[in-house]
Protein backbone atom coordinates (compact mmCIF):
# COMPACT_ATOMS: atom_id res chain seq x y z
CA MET A 1 8.67 -14.77 -20.41
CA GLN A 2 9.21 -15.40 -24.12
CA VAL A 3 9.34 -18.78 -25.72
CA THR A 4 13.12 -18.56 -26.26
CA GLU A 5 13.63 -17.96 -22.58
CA GLN A 6 11.26 -20.86 -21.68
CA ALA A 7 13.12 -23.23 -24.06
CA ALA A 8 15.73 -23.70 -21.31
CA LYS A 9 13.11 -25.76 -19.46
CA ILE A 10 12.98 -28.41 -22.08
CA GLY A 11 14.18 -31.69 -20.60
CA LYS A 12 13.53 -30.53 -17.00
CA GLN A 13 11.00 -31.95 -14.55
CA GLY A 14 7.92 -30.34 -13.22
CA LEU A 15 4.74 -31.17 -11.22
CA PHE A 16 1.65 -31.24 -13.40
CA HIS A 17 -1.49 -30.21 -11.41
CA VAL A 18 -4.30 -32.55 -12.55
CA GLU A 19 -7.09 -31.66 -10.11
CA LYS A 20 -8.00 -31.66 -6.35
CA GLY A 21 -4.34 -31.67 -5.31
CA PHE A 22 -3.37 -34.58 -7.59
CA LYS A 23 -0.07 -33.96 -9.18
CA ILE A 24 2.27 -36.04 -11.27
CA VAL A 25 5.96 -35.64 -12.12
CA VAL A 26 6.48 -34.79 -15.74
CA VAL A 27 9.31 -33.81 -18.25
CA ILE A 28 8.90 -30.75 -20.46
CA GLN A 29 9.33 -31.96 -24.10
CA ASP A 30 8.56 -28.68 -26.01
CA VAL A 31 7.32 -25.10 -25.53
CA ARG A 32 4.93 -23.06 -27.71
CA GLU A 33 3.04 -19.76 -27.56
CA VAL A 34 -0.59 -19.82 -28.59
CA PHE A 35 -2.78 -16.71 -28.53
CA GLY A 36 -0.32 -15.14 -26.07
CA ARG A 37 -0.46 -18.10 -23.65
CA LEU A 38 2.58 -20.32 -22.99
CA ASP A 39 2.05 -24.00 -23.36
CA TYR A 40 4.31 -27.01 -22.54
CA SER A 41 4.34 -30.43 -24.15
CA ILE A 42 4.74 -32.82 -21.25
CA ARG A 43 5.15 -36.50 -20.64
CA PRO A 44 5.07 -38.45 -17.41
CA VAL A 45 8.38 -39.59 -15.85
CA GLU A 46 6.80 -43.02 -15.42
CA GLY A 47 4.07 -44.12 -17.79
CA VAL A 48 3.30 -43.28 -21.41
CA GLY A 49 1.80 -40.52 -23.48
CA SER A 50 2.22 -36.77 -23.99
CA LEU A 51 -0.01 -33.74 -23.68
CA TRP A 52 0.04 -29.99 -24.40
CA VAL A 53 -0.89 -28.01 -21.27
CA SER A 54 -0.85 -24.45 -20.08
CA SER A 55 2.43 -23.63 -18.38
CA GLU A 56 0.40 -22.32 -15.42
CA ARG A 57 -0.48 -25.97 -14.58
CA VAL A 58 3.16 -27.03 -14.28
CA LEU A 59 5.33 -26.21 -11.18
CA MET A 60 8.98 -26.63 -12.13
CA ILE A 61 11.04 -28.80 -9.72
CA ALA A 62 14.25 -27.08 -8.73
CA GLU A 63 17.48 -29.09 -9.43
CA LYS A 64 20.30 -29.35 -6.94
CA GLY A 65 22.08 -25.96 -6.74
CA GLU A 66 18.99 -24.00 -8.13
CA ARG A 67 16.67 -21.95 -6.16
């Protein structure tokens, strides 16, 4: 998917895979493409800070009415 298509995910929630099955709920703040890889800027739903991560490490959470 292109960045313009992924931009629709800004403001939506996902699960960020940290390691060994540990995941935290995050909000997508921004999207960028770097060397052909798609990255998300994420922040935790509860807590502080933000981080750029590979989109492959974030599983989007479906909203009501979505599949």
